């Protein structure tokens, strides 16, 4: 099992004036079925952006990414362009490509995060049973029909109250919550939190919609540096229709602080109404 830092590593390769290019090797472990995880792909782009901005703005604070077509595990090229470099943040555009195929593109904001508590927050951390009382999602999920390698590198423990879908009795609330840890024991950071914000399984399972729900677009905000330990992630859907589902996710660290949040649009195959 490799580390997240190794899986998102990028190597500078030069580039034209104003354009920074990097080589990356996309890791097949960070995948759902045979498709690489959307949060992981954005983290690879974020790793390249951090190399461009350096120590002045080392942390990803916001990203909005679109997934054009699924890349394959293996070599890829990242191109990063600085749009604006200011005192408090740097804004960039990044593109992930394989051959002549554009696979993912993102607008990113780099800045400087700290461990400070929020000045004000209207969100309460999701309440979960103790971590060991929650069900760990296996890579070989019964009845799923495909393997989820991501579950080997991200330890996900779901609230038992949200597991009705596993016995054919989805709650129909469009919500799933649970604990997450990096399986090798590393602590979370702003880039790896992008993976936590796109948890597996998707909330469509709680609505009785089976199958993969690929991310079309995802926007995330990284709020502060997480404390060591697991994060609690709550994800819910607000509206499903036209074979599209929106999902909103929040992540709290071991000190009950909101450390990241995201909104995404995912593709689903909506069944006919009974």
C-alpha atoms as a PDB file:
ATOM      1  CA  UNK A   1       0.000   0.000   0.000  1.00  0.00           C
ATOM      2  CA  UNK A   2       1.514   3.322  -1.064  1.00  0.00           C
ATOM      3  CA  UNK A   3       0.956   6.607   0.738  1.00  0.00           C
ATOM      4  CA  UNK A   4      -1.381   9.341  -0.433  1.00  0.00           C
ATOM      5  CA  UNK A   5       1.600  11.655  -0.919  1.00  0.00           C
ATOM      6  CA  UNK A   6       3.229   9.084  -3.197  1.00  0.00           C
ATOM      7  CA  UNK A   7      -0.026   8.531  -5.093  1.00  0.00           C
ATOM      8  CA  UNK A   8      -0.357  12.275  -5.808  1.00  0.00           C
ATOM      9  CA  UNK A   9       3.320  13.024  -6.478  1.00  0.00           C
ATOM     10  CA  UNK A  10       4.173  15.233  -9.445  1.00  0.00           C
ATOM     11  CA  UNK A  11       7.516  15.880 -11.138  1.00  0.00           C
ATOM     12  CA  UNK A  12       8.260  19.211 -12.880  1.00  0.00           C
ATOM     13  CA  UNK A  13       8.953  18.933 -16.592  1.00  0.00           C
ATOM     14  CA  UNK A  14       9.232  22.618 -17.603  1.00  0.00           C
ATOM     15  CA  UNK A  15       6.733  24.162 -19.997  1.00  0.00           C
ATOM     16  CA  UNK A  16       6.065  27.175 -22.178  1.00  0.00           C
ATOM     17  CA  UNK A  17       6.170  30.738 -20.861  1.00  0.00           C
ATOM     18  CA  UNK A  18       3.542  31.157 -18.139  1.00  0.00           C
ATOM     19  CA  UNK A  19       2.680  27.443 -18.153  1.00  0.00           C
ATOM     20  CA  UNK A  20       4.072  24.950 -15.644  1.00  0.00           C
ATOM     21  CA  UNK A  21       3.967  21.278 -16.612  1.00  0.00           C
ATOM     22  CA  UNK A  22       4.338  18.186 -14.431  1.00  0.00           C
ATOM     23  CA  UNK A  23       4.434  14.436 -14.897  1.00  0.00           C
ATOM     24  CA  UNK A  24       2.255  12.287 -12.656  1.00  0.00           C
ATOM     25  CA  UNK A  25       1.532   8.590 -12.343  1.00  0.00           C
ATOM     26  CA  UNK A  26      -2.121   8.012 -11.475  1.00  0.00           C
ATOM     27  CA  UNK A  27      -2.457   5.266  -8.871  1.00  0.00           C
ATOM     28  CA  UNK A  28      -5.006   2.486  -9.485  1.00  0.00           C
ATOM     29  CA  UNK A  29      -5.578   2.052  -5.734  1.00  0.00           C
ATOM     30  CA  UNK A  30      -7.498   5.344  -5.565  1.00  0.00           C
ATOM     31  CA  UNK A  31     -10.403   4.101  -7.629  1.00  0.00           C
ATOM     32  CA  UNK A  32     -14.051   3.026  -7.498  1.00  0.00           C
ATOM     33  CA  UNK A  33     -14.370   0.013  -9.732  1.00  0.00           C
ATOM     34  CA  UNK A  34     -12.017   0.763 -12.595  1.00  0.00           C
ATOM     35  CA  UNK A  35     -12.555   4.539 -12.456  1.00  0.00           C
ATOM     36  CA  UNK A  36     -10.192   6.822 -10.564  1.00  0.00           C
ATOM     37  CA  UNK A  37     -11.818   8.746  -7.718  1.00  0.00           C
ATOM     38  CA  UNK A  38     -12.738  12.385  -8.469  1.00  0.00           C
ATOM     39  CA  UNK A  39     -11.399  13.777  -5.192  1.00  0.00           C
ATOM     40  CA  UNK A  40      -8.119  11.987  -5.806  1.00  0.00           C
ATOM     41  CA  UNK A  41      -7.767  13.500  -9.286  1.00  0.00           C
ATOM     42  CA  UNK A  42      -8.368  17.004  -7.912  1.00  0.00           C
ATOM     43  CA  UNK A  43      -5.735  16.325  -5.255  1.00  0.00           C
ATOM     44  CA  UNK A  44      -3.188  15.524  -7.986  1.00  0.00           C
ATOM     45  CA  UNK A  45      -3.987  18.888  -9.592  1.00  0.00           C
ATOM     46  CA  UNK A  46      -3.697  20.529  -6.171  1.00  0.00           C
ATOM     47  CA  UNK A  47      -0.279  18.947  -5.617  1.00  0.00           C
ATOM     48  CA  UNK A  48       0.968  20.522  -8.844  1.00  0.00           C
ATOM     49  CA  UNK A  49      -0.560  23.901  -7.957  1.00  0.00           C
ATOM     50  CA  UNK A  50       1.234  23.871  -4.593  1.00  0.00           C
ATOM     51  CA  UNK A  51       4.566  23.358  -6.329  1.00  0.00           C
ATOM     52  CA  UNK A  52       3.885  26.458  -8.415  1.00  0.00           C
ATOM     53  CA  UNK A  53       2.894  28.695  -5.490  1.00  0.00           C
ATOM     54  CA  UNK A  54       5.537  27.393  -3.061  1.00  0.00           C
ATOM     55  CA  UNK A  55       5.896  28.343   0.605  1.00  0.00           C
ATOM     56  CA  UNK A  56       3.998  31.629   0.259  1.00  0.00           C
ATOM     57  CA  UNK A  57       0.648  29.957  -0.442  1.00  0.00           C
ATOM     58  CA  UNK A  58       1.203  26.280   0.343  1.00  0.00           C
ATOM     59  CA  UNK A  59      -2.363  25.134   0.972  1.00  0.00           C
ATOM     60  CA  UNK A  60      -5.306  24.517  -1.304  1.00  0.00           C
ATOM     61  CA  UNK A  61      -8.226  26.596   0.012  1.00  0.00           C
ATOM     62  CA  UNK A  62     -10.772  26.249  -2.809  1.00  0.00           C
ATOM     63  CA  UNK A  63     -11.183  24.218  -5.977  1.00  0.00           C
ATOM     64  CA  UNK A  64     -13.841  23.847  -8.645  1.00  0.00           C
ATOM     65  CA  UNK A  65     -13.227  20.921 -10.951  1.00  0.00           C
ATOM     66  CA  UNK A  66     -14.949  19.437 -14.000  1.00  0.00           C
ATOM     67  CA  UNK A  67     -14.403  15.849 -15.094  1.00  0.00           C
ATOM     68  CA  UNK A  68     -14.361  15.611 -18.868  1.00  0.00           C
ATOM     69  CA  UNK A  69     -13.546  11.932 -19.323  1.00  0.00           C
ATOM     70  CA  UNK A  70     -12.158   9.270 -17.029  1.00  0.00           C
ATOM     71  CA  UNK A  71      -8.368   8.883 -17.173  1.00  0.00           C
ATOM     72  CA  UNK A  72      -6.651   5.514 -16.918  1.00  0.00           C
ATOM     73  CA  UNK A  73      -4.200   4.636 -14.147  1.00  0.00           C
ATOM     74  CA  UNK A  74      -0.666   5.403 -15.269  1.00  0.00           C
ATOM     75  CA  UNK A  75       1.210   8.374 -16.745  1.00  0.00           C
ATOM     76  CA  UNK A  76      -0.506  11.748 -17.046  1.00  0.00           C
ATOM     77  CA  UNK A  77       0.553  15.348 -17.635  1.00  0.00           C
ATOM     78  CA  UNK A  78      -0.550  18.269 -15.466  1.00  0.00           C
ATOM     79  CA  UNK A  79      -0.449  21.826 -16.840  1.00  0.00           C
ATOM     80  CA  UNK A  80      -0.802  24.739 -14.387  1.00  0.00           C
ATOM     81  CA  UNK A  81      -1.287  28.412 -15.223  1.00  0.00           C
ATOM     82  CA  UNK A  82      -1.192  31.245 -12.697  1.00  0.00           C
ATOM     83  CA  UNK A  83      -4.170  33.557 -13.185  1.00  0.00           C
ATOM     84  CA  UNK A  84      -3.427  35.982 -10.376  1.00  0.00           C
ATOM     85  CA  UNK A  85      -0.848  36.099  -7.588  1.00  0.00           C
ATOM     86  CA  UNK A  86      -1.919  38.316  -4.694  1.00  0.00           C
ATOM     87  CA  UNK A  87      -0.824  38.901  -1.126  1.00  0.00           C
ATOM     88  CA  UNK A  88      -3.421  36.647   0.469  1.00  0.00           C
ATOM     89  CA  UNK A  89      -3.920  34.034  -2.242  1.00  0.00           C
ATOM     90  CA  UNK A  90      -2.912  32.778  -5.669  1.00  0.00           C
ATOM     91  CA  UNK A  91      -5.506  31.737  -8.240  1.00  0.00           C
ATOM     92  CA  UNK A  92      -4.623  29.117 -10.828  1.00  0.00           C
ATOM     93  CA  UNK A  93      -6.007  26.977 -13.613  1.00  0.00           C
ATOM     94  CA  UNK A  94      -4.922  23.335 -13.916  1.00  0.00           C
ATOM     95  CA  UNK A  95      -5.528  20.609 -16.485  1.00  0.00           C
ATOM     96  CA  UNK A  96      -4.939  16.852 -16.343  1.00  0.00           C
ATOM     97  CA  UNK A  97      -4.395  15.124 -19.670  1.00  0.00           C
ATOM     98  CA  UNK A  98      -3.378  11.765 -21.090  1.00  0.00           C
ATOM     99  CA  UNK A  99      -2.078  11.916 -24.632  1.00  0.00           C
ATOM    100  CA  UNK A 100      -4.331  14.326 -26.480  1.00  0.00           C
ATOM    101  CA  UNK A 101      -7.262  13.694 -24.095  1.00  0.00           C
ATOM    102  CA  UNK A 102      -8.245  16.360 -21.573  1.00  0.00           C
ATOM    103  CA  UNK A 103      -9.531  14.408 -18.562  1.00  0.00           C
ATOM    104  CA  UNK A 104     -10.080  16.972 -15.788  1.00  0.00           C
ATOM    105  CA  UNK A 105      -9.808  20.731 -15.428  1.00  0.00           C
ATOM    106  CA  UNK A 106      -9.987  22.911 -12.329  1.00  0.00           C
ATOM    107  CA  UNK A 107      -9.780  26.436 -10.999  1.00  0.00           C
ATOM    108  CA  UNK A 108      -7.825  26.469  -7.744  1.00  0.00           C
ATOM    109  CA  UNK A 109      -7.082  28.975  -5.004  1.00  0.00           C
ATOM    110  CA  UNK A 110      -3.938  28.533  -2.918  1.00  0.00           C
ATOM    111  CA  UNK A 111      -3.463  30.281   0.418  1.00  0.00           C
ATOM    112  CA  UNK A 112      -2.321  29.693   3.987  1.00  0.00           C
ATOM    113  CA  UNK A 113      -4.439  27.644   6.387  1.00  0.00           C
ATOM    114  CA  UNK A 114      -3.998  27.318  10.150  1.00  0.00           C
ATOM    115  CA  UNK A 115      -5.444  25.411  13.118  1.00  0.00           C
ATOM    116  CA  UNK A 116      -7.572  28.299  14.438  1.00  0.00           C
ATOM    117  CA  UNK A 117     -11.159  27.622  15.467  1.00  0.00           C
ATOM    118  CA  UNK A 118     -13.961  29.263  13.524  1.00  0.00           C
ATOM    119  CA  UNK A 119     -14.927  32.794  14.583  1.00  0.00           C
ATOM    120  CA  UNK A 120     -18.570  31.687  14.079  1.00  0.00           C
ATOM    121  CA  UNK A 121     -20.232  28.562  12.724  1.00  0.00           C
ATOM    122  CA  UNK A 122     -23.866  27.651  12.159  1.00  0.00           C
ATOM    123  CA  UNK A 123     -23.094  23.966  11.621  1.00  0.00           C
ATOM    124  CA  UNK A 124     -23.082  21.326  14.337  1.00  0.00           C
ATOM    125  CA  UNK A 125     -20.856  18.273  13.836  1.00  0.00           C
ATOM    126  CA  UNK A 126     -22.745  15.191  12.724  1.00  0.00           C
ATOM    127  CA  UNK A 127     -23.423  12.842  15.624  1.00  0.00           C
ATOM    128  CA  UNK A 128     -22.206   9.282  15.066  1.00  0.00           C
ATOM    129  CA  UNK A 129     -21.858   6.114  17.120  1.00  0.00           C
ATOM    130  CA  UNK A 130     -18.338   5.361  18.314  1.00  0.00           C
ATOM    131  CA  UNK A 131     -15.979   4.607  15.465  1.00  0.00           C
ATOM    132  CA  UNK A 132     -15.659   0.899  16.321  1.00  0.00           C
ATOM    133  CA  UNK A 133     -19.445   0.550  16.407  1.00  0.00           C
ATOM    134  CA  UNK A 134     -19.711   1.675  12.792  1.00  0.00           C
ATOM    135  CA  UNK A 135     -19.530  -0.721   9.851  1.00  0.00           C
ATOM    136  CA  UNK A 136     -16.292  -0.703   7.846  1.00  0.00           C
ATOM    137  CA  UNK A 137     -16.961  -0.603   4.104  1.00  0.00           C
ATOM    138  CA  UNK A 138     -15.115  -3.469   2.396  1.00  0.00           C
ATOM    139  CA  UNK A 139     -13.381  -3.281  -0.959  1.00  0.00           C
ATOM    140  CA  UNK A 140     -15.386  -6.352  -1.976  1.00  0.00           C
ATOM    141  CA  UNK A 141     -18.880  -5.099  -1.127  1.00  0.00           C
ATOM    142  CA  UNK A 142     -21.534  -7.860  -1.279  1.00  0.00           C
ATOM    143  CA  UNK A 143     -23.830  -7.386  -4.256  1.00  0.00           C
ATOM    144  CA  UNK A 144     -21.974  -4.352  -5.601  1.00  0.00           C
ATOM    145  CA  UNK A 145     -20.815  -6.140  -8.737  1.00  0.00           C
ATOM    146  CA  UNK A 146     -17.425  -4.424  -8.757  1.00  0.00           C
ATOM    147  CA  UNK A 147     -14.429  -3.972  -6.481  1.00  0.00           C
ATOM    148  CA  UNK A 148     -13.706  -0.650  -4.734  1.00  0.00           C
ATOM    149  CA  UNK A 149      -9.892  -0.413  -4.320  1.00  0.00           C
ATOM    150  CA  UNK A 150     -10.357   2.957  -2.567  1.00  0.00           C
ATOM    151  CA  UNK A 151     -11.613   1.083   0.510  1.00  0.00           C
ATOM    152  CA  UNK A 152      -8.151  -0.490   0.889  1.00  0.00           C
ATOM    153  CA  UNK A 153      -6.501   2.911   1.289  1.00  0.00           C
ATOM    154  CA  UNK A 154      -9.316   4.861   3.014  1.00  0.00           C
ATOM    155  CA  UNK A 155     -10.858   3.219   6.073  1.00  0.00           C
ATOM    156  CA  UNK A 156     -14.540   4.185   5.955  1.00  0.00           C
ATOM    157  CA  UNK A 157     -16.890   3.245   8.796  1.00  0.00           C
ATOM    158  CA  UNK A 158     -20.559   4.030   8.123  1.00  0.00           C
ATOM    159  CA  UNK A 159     -23.246   4.842  10.670  1.00  0.00           C
ATOM    160  CA  UNK A 160     -25.270   1.604  11.041  1.00  0.00           C
ATOM    161  CA  UNK A 161     -28.430   3.721  10.860  1.00  0.00           C
ATOM    162  CA  UNK A 162     -27.612   4.536   7.243  1.00  0.00           C
ATOM    163  CA  UNK A 163     -27.087   0.955   6.071  1.00  0.00           C
ATOM    164  CA  UNK A 164     -30.668  -0.017   5.232  1.00  0.00           C
ATOM    165  CA  UNK A 165     -29.752  -0.099   1.535  1.00  0.00           C
ATOM    166  CA  UNK A 166     -27.476  -3.090   2.230  1.00  0.00           C
ATOM    167  CA  UNK A 167     -30.506  -5.240   3.129  1.00  0.00           C
ATOM    168  CA  UNK A 168     -32.847  -3.826   0.507  1.00  0.00           C
ATOM    169  CA  UNK A 169     -34.457  -1.258   2.824  1.00  0.00           C
ATOM    170  CA  UNK A 170     -33.020   2.180   1.969  1.00  0.00           C
ATOM    171  CA  UNK A 171     -34.217   4.935   4.311  1.00  0.00           C
ATOM    172  CA  UNK A 172     -35.016   7.290   1.439  1.00  0.00           C
ATOM    173  CA  UNK A 173     -33.533  10.301   3.249  1.00  0.00           C
ATOM    174  CA  UNK A 174     -30.644  10.795   0.838  1.00  0.00           C
ATOM    175  CA  UNK A 175     -28.050  10.887   3.608  1.00  0.00           C
ATOM    176  CA  UNK A 176     -24.977   8.870   4.546  1.00  0.00           C
ATOM    177  CA  UNK A 177     -22.468   9.638   7.295  1.00  0.00           C
ATOM    178  CA  UNK A 178     -19.458   7.953   8.823  1.00  0.00           C
ATOM    179  CA  UNK A 179     -15.893   8.047  10.051  1.00  0.00           C
ATOM    180  CA  UNK A 180     -12.908   8.131   7.709  1.00  0.00           C
ATOM    181  CA  UNK A 181      -9.197   7.500   8.219  1.00  0.00           C
ATOM    182  CA  UNK A 182      -6.291   7.032   5.842  1.00  0.00           C
ATOM    183  CA  UNK A 183      -5.665   3.303   6.142  1.00  0.00           C
ATOM    184  CA  UNK A 184      -1.885   3.585   6.489  1.00  0.00           C
ATOM    185  CA  UNK A 185      -2.234   5.794   9.595  1.00  0.00           C
ATOM    186  CA  UNK A 186      -1.254   9.127   8.017  1.00  0.00           C
ATOM    187  CA  UNK A 187      -3.128  12.221   9.173  1.00  0.00           C
ATOM    188  CA  UNK A 188      -5.478  14.130   6.906  1.00  0.00           C
ATOM    189  CA  UNK A 189      -4.329  17.298   5.158  1.00  0.00           C
ATOM    190  CA  UNK A 190      -6.081  19.786   2.837  1.00  0.00           C
ATOM    191  CA  UNK A 191      -5.406  17.665  -0.276  1.00  0.00           C
ATOM    192  CA  UNK A 192      -6.393  14.279   1.123  1.00  0.00           C
ATOM    193  CA  UNK A 193      -9.594  15.832   2.505  1.00  0.00           C
ATOM    194  CA  UNK A 194     -10.747  16.113  -1.124  1.00  0.00           C
ATOM    195  CA  UNK A 195     -11.048  12.322  -1.093  1.00  0.00           C
ATOM    196  CA  UNK A 196     -12.989  12.371   2.188  1.00  0.00           C
ATOM    197  CA  UNK A 197     -15.461  14.873   0.716  1.00  0.00           C
ATOM    198  CA  UNK A 198     -16.484  12.403  -2.004  1.00  0.00           C
ATOM    199  CA  UNK A 199     -17.238   9.327   0.128  1.00  0.00           C
ATOM    200  CA  UNK A 200     -18.230   5.858  -1.004  1.00  0.00           C
ATOM    201  CA  UNK A 201     -20.977   4.686  -1.256  1.00  0.00           C
ATOM    202  CA  UNK A 202     -22.830   7.671  -2.736  1.00  0.00           C
ATOM    203  CA  UNK A 203     -26.010   8.896  -1.070  1.00  0.00           C
ATOM    204  CA  UNK A 204     -28.002   7.571  -4.033  1.00  0.00           C
ATOM    205  CA  UNK A 205     -27.797   4.160  -2.341  1.00  0.00           C
ATOM    206  CA  UNK A 206     -29.908   5.547   0.512  1.00  0.00           C
ATOM    207  CA  UNK A 207     -32.520   6.497  -2.119  1.00  0.00           C
ATOM    208  CA  UNK A 208     -32.644   3.006  -3.585  1.00  0.00           C
ATOM    209  CA  UNK A 209     -30.575   3.942  -6.649  1.00  0.00           C
ATOM    210  CA  UNK A 210     -27.818   1.375  -7.123  1.00  0.00           C
ATOM    211  CA  UNK A 211     -24.728   1.607  -9.293  1.00  0.00           C
ATOM    212  CA  UNK A 212     -21.863   3.984  -9.749  1.00  0.00           C
ATOM    213  CA  UNK A 213     -22.547   7.730  -9.444  1.00  0.00           C
ATOM    214  CA  UNK A 214     -19.652   9.394 -11.296  1.00  0.00           C
ATOM    215  CA  UNK A 215     -18.837  12.987 -10.393  1.00  0.00           C
ATOM    216  CA  UNK A 216     -19.491  15.507 -13.176  1.00  0.00           C
ATOM    217  CA  UNK A 217     -18.431  18.626 -11.273  1.00  0.00           C
ATOM    218  CA  UNK A 218     -17.152  19.171  -7.723  1.00  0.00           C
ATOM    219  CA  UNK A 219     -16.439  22.379  -5.800  1.00  0.00           C
ATOM    220  CA  UNK A 220     -14.740  22.241  -2.411  1.00  0.00           C
ATOM    221  CA  UNK A 221     -13.595  24.649   0.293  1.00  0.00           C
ATOM    222  CA  UNK A 222     -10.797  23.723   2.682  1.00  0.00           C
ATOM    223  CA  UNK A 223     -11.352  25.702   5.872  1.00  0.00           C
ATOM    224  CA  UNK A 224      -8.518  24.900   8.291  1.00  0.00           C
ATOM    225  CA  UNK A 225      -5.784  22.356   8.962  1.00  0.00           C
ATOM    226  CA  UNK A 226      -7.325  19.223  10.483  1.00  0.00           C
ATOM    227  CA  UNK A 227      -6.276  17.899  13.872  1.00  0.00           C
ATOM    228  CA  UNK A 228      -4.720  14.399  13.956  1.00  0.00           C
ATOM    229  CA  UNK A 229      -7.196  11.543  13.958  1.00  0.00           C
ATOM    230  CA  UNK A 230     -10.264  10.557  11.954  1.00  0.00           C
ATOM    231  CA  UNK A 231     -12.737  12.894  10.299  1.00  0.00           C
ATOM    232  CA  UNK A 232     -16.512  12.591  10.404  1.00  0.00           C
ATOM    233  CA  UNK A 233     -18.169  13.140   7.047  1.00  0.00           C
ATOM    234  CA  UNK A 234     -21.837  13.780   6.400  1.00  0.00           C
ATOM    235  CA  UNK A 235     -23.170  13.771   2.853  1.00  0.00           C
ATOM    236  CA  UNK A 236     -26.698  14.365   1.669  1.00  0.00           C
ATOM    237  CA  UNK A 237     -28.590  14.894  -1.576  1.00  0.00           C
ATOM    238  CA  UNK A 238     -30.993  17.785  -2.074  1.00  0.00           C
ATOM    239  CA  UNK A 239     -32.503  17.073  -5.501  1.00  0.00           C
ATOM    240  CA  UNK A 240     -32.425  14.153  -7.927  1.00  0.00           C
ATOM    241  CA  UNK A 241     -33.784  14.303 -11.475  1.00  0.00           C
ATOM    242  CA  UNK A 242     -32.784  14.263 -15.116  1.00  0.00           C
ATOM    243  CA  UNK A 243     -30.232  11.559 -14.290  1.00  0.00           C
ATOM    244  CA  UNK A 244     -28.344  14.047 -12.118  1.00  0.00           C
ATOM    245  CA  UNK A 245     -27.957  14.262  -8.343  1.00  0.00           C
ATOM    246  CA  UNK A 246     -26.472  17.031  -6.245  1.00  0.00           C
ATOM    247  CA  UNK A 247     -24.569  16.077  -3.085  1.00  0.00           C
ATOM    248  CA  UNK A 248     -23.413  18.314  -0.235  1.00  0.00           C
ATOM    249  CA  UNK A 249     -20.657  17.084   2.086  1.00  0.00           C
ATOM    250  CA  UNK A 250     -19.157  18.364   5.346  1.00  0.00           C
ATOM    251  CA  UNK A 251     -16.103  17.066   7.206  1.00  0.00           C
ATOM    252  CA  UNK A 252     -15.287  17.672  10.891  1.00  0.00           C
ATOM    253  CA  UNK A 253     -11.992  16.797  12.553  1.00  0.00           C
ATOM    254  CA  UNK A 254     -11.315  15.143  15.911  1.00  0.00           C
ATOM    255  CA  UNK A 255     -11.724  18.524  17.643  1.00  0.00           C
ATOM    256  CA  UNK A 256     -15.265  18.971  16.222  1.00  0.00           C
ATOM    257  CA  UNK A 257     -14.162  21.709  13.824  1.00  0.00           C
ATOM    258  CA  UNK A 258     -15.461  22.004  10.288  1.00  0.00           C
ATOM    259  CA  UNK A 259     -12.349  21.453   8.173  1.00  0.00           C
ATOM    260  CA  UNK A 260     -13.805  21.050   4.668  1.00  0.00           C
ATOM    261  CA  UNK A 261     -17.027  21.174   2.690  1.00  0.00           C
ATOM    262  CA  UNK A 262     -18.068  20.413  -0.876  1.00  0.00           C
ATOM    263  CA  UNK A 263     -20.911  20.407  -3.373  1.00  0.00           C
ATOM    264  CA  UNK A 264     -20.951  18.149  -6.378  1.00  0.00           C
ATOM    265  CA  UNK A 265     -23.120  17.150  -9.303  1.00  0.00           C
ATOM    266  CA  UNK A 266     -23.106  13.416 -10.027  1.00  0.00           C
ATOM    267  CA  UNK A 267     -24.633  11.282 -12.759  1.00  0.00           C
ATOM    268  CA  UNK A 268     -27.168   8.643 -11.725  1.00  0.00           C
ATOM    269  CA  UNK A 269     -29.553   6.304 -13.508  1.00  0.00           C
ATOM    270  CA  UNK A 270     -32.887   7.220 -11.996  1.00  0.00           C
ATOM    271  CA  UNK A 271     -35.361   4.325 -11.966  1.00  0.00           C
ATOM    272  CA  UNK A 272     -38.918   4.754 -13.146  1.00  0.00           C
ATOM    273  CA  UNK A 273     -41.425   5.767 -10.496  1.00  0.00           C
ATOM    274  CA  UNK A 274     -43.455   2.898  -9.137  1.00  0.00           C
END
